[in-house]
Amino acid sequence: MKIRVGFVSNSSTTSFLIYGIELTSEELEKLTEDLPGLLEKEYSYDEDGYLGRSWDTVKDDETGKQFKESVEKEVKKLFPNKKLEFRTVKEAYRDG
């Protein structure tokens, strides 16, 4: 167990860790709010963003390979004719 001793600030930090593809803000806006499965949209600081699944949604009985395959399958359904580059993205930025 970790114990923090000291001052904790009330910062406006945003971060995420997602496996998926990078998209422009226009491409993200064209997607409906009702995405298939567990897919989610995340916006980066510059307003473009990513479509995929957060790593904290991996199920207890799911391997990393199964997780990635499920993400790729769902995303490819939305973009069947587009060359896609899947990767893990870690973003963090502070407002202020």
Protein backbone atom coordinates (compact mmCIF):
# COMPACT_ATOMS: atom_id res chain seq x y z
CA MET A 1 0.00 0.00 0.00
CA LYS A 2 1.22 3.49 -0.84
CA ILE A 3 0.61 6.42 1.45
CA ARG A 4 0.99 9.94 0.18
CA VAL A 5 2.15 12.53 2.65
CA GLY A 6 1.97 16.09 1.46
CA PHE A 7 -0.14 18.52 -0.44
CA VAL A 8 -2.46 17.23 -3.17
CA SER A 9 -3.46 19.91 -5.67
CA ASN A 10 -6.78 20.22 -7.44
CA SER A 11 -5.39 20.16 -10.98
CA SER A 12 -7.25 19.81 -14.26
CA THR A 13 -5.30 16.87 -15.64
CA THR A 14 -6.81 14.56 -18.24
CA SER A 15 -5.30 11.26 -19.27
CA PHE A 16 -6.23 8.05 -21.02
CA LEU A 17 -4.71 4.81 -22.26
CA ILE A 18 -6.52 3.36 -25.26
CA TYR A 19 -5.90 0.71 -27.91
CA GLY A 20 -7.26 1.71 -31.28
CA ILE A 21 -6.78 4.07 -34.21
CA GLU A 22 -6.17 7.78 -34.60
CA LEU A 23 -8.86 9.82 -36.37
CA THR A 24 -9.42 13.44 -37.26
CA SER A 25 -12.01 15.37 -35.30
CA GLU A 26 -14.25 15.32 -38.40
CA GLU A 27 -14.08 11.52 -38.63
CA LEU A 28 -14.88 11.21 -34.93
CA GLU A 29 -17.87 13.54 -35.20
CA LYS A 30 -19.33 11.43 -38.04
CA LEU A 31 -19.49 8.40 -35.75
CA THR A 32 -22.76 7.96 -33.88
CA GLU A 33 -22.95 8.08 -30.11
CA ASP A 34 -24.13 4.46 -30.17
CA LEU A 35 -20.84 2.78 -30.98
CA PRO A 36 -20.70 -1.03 -31.18
CA GLY A 37 -19.52 -3.05 -28.20
CA LEU A 38 -17.19 -1.24 -25.84
CA LEU A 39 -15.70 1.13 -28.40
CA GLU A 40 -15.23 4.68 -27.22
CA LYS A 41 -14.04 8.01 -28.57
CA GLU A 42 -11.25 9.92 -26.86
CA TYR A 43 -10.17 13.40 -27.88
CA SER A 44 -6.58 14.54 -27.69
CA TYR A 45 -5.49 18.01 -26.64
CA ASP A 46 -5.42 19.21 -30.27
CA GLU A 47 -9.04 18.04 -30.83
CA ASP A 48 -8.21 15.09 -33.07
CA GLY A 49 -8.59 11.81 -31.29
CA TYR A 50 -8.84 8.06 -31.09
CA LEU A 51 -11.37 5.30 -31.45
CA GLY A 52 -10.86 2.09 -29.54
CA ARG A 53 -11.10 0.60 -26.07
CA SER A 54 -9.55 1.70 -22.86
CA TRP A 55 -7.12 -0.82 -21.38
CA ASP A 56 -9.07 -0.76 -18.13
CA THR A 57 -11.95 -2.54 -19.92
CA VAL A 58 -9.98 -5.78 -20.38
CA LYS A 59 -12.10 -8.56 -18.91
CA ASP A 60 -10.71 -10.91 -16.26
CA ASP A 61 -10.82 -13.89 -18.65
CA GLU A 62 -9.54 -11.96 -21.69
CA THR A 63 -5.92 -12.06 -22.85
CA GLY A 64 -4.16 -9.02 -24.29
CA LYS A 65 -4.27 -10.66 -27.71
CA GLN A 66 -8.02 -11.29 -27.45
CA PHE A 67 -8.54 -7.68 -26.32
CA LYS A 68 -6.65 -6.31 -29.33
CA GLU A 69 -8.40 -8.66 -31.77
CA SER A 70 -11.83 -7.62 -30.48
CA VAL A 71 -10.98 -3.92 -30.86
CA GLU A 72 -9.63 -4.42 -34.37
CA LYS A 73 -12.70 -6.44 -35.42
CA GLU A 74 -15.15 -3.76 -34.20
CA VAL A 75 -13.22 -0.83 -35.68
CA LYS A 76 -12.79 -2.55 -39.05
CA LYS A 77 -16.59 -2.90 -39.27
CA LEU A 78 -16.85 0.90 -39.17
CA PHE A 79 -14.02 1.50 -41.67
CA PRO A 80 -13.98 -1.51 -44.03
CA ASN A 81 -12.15 0.28 -46.86
CA LYS A 82 -9.65 2.31 -44.87
CA LYS A 83 -6.07 1.25 -44.10
CA LEU A 84 -5.92 1.24 -40.31
CA GLU A 85 -2.94 1.42 -37.98
CA PHE A 86 -3.76 0.12 -34.52
CA ARG A 87 -1.67 1.06 -31.51
CA THR A 88 -1.78 1.80 -27.83
CA VAL A 89 -2.04 5.52 -27.14
CA LYS A 90 -1.24 7.15 -23.83
CA GLU A 91 -2.21 10.81 -23.57
CA ALA A 92 -2.06 13.17 -20.65
CA TYR A 93 -2.37 16.90 -20.59
CA ARG A 94 -2.99 19.59 -18.04
CA ASP A 95 -5.29 22.54 -18.44
CA GLY A 96 -3.81 25.31 -16.41
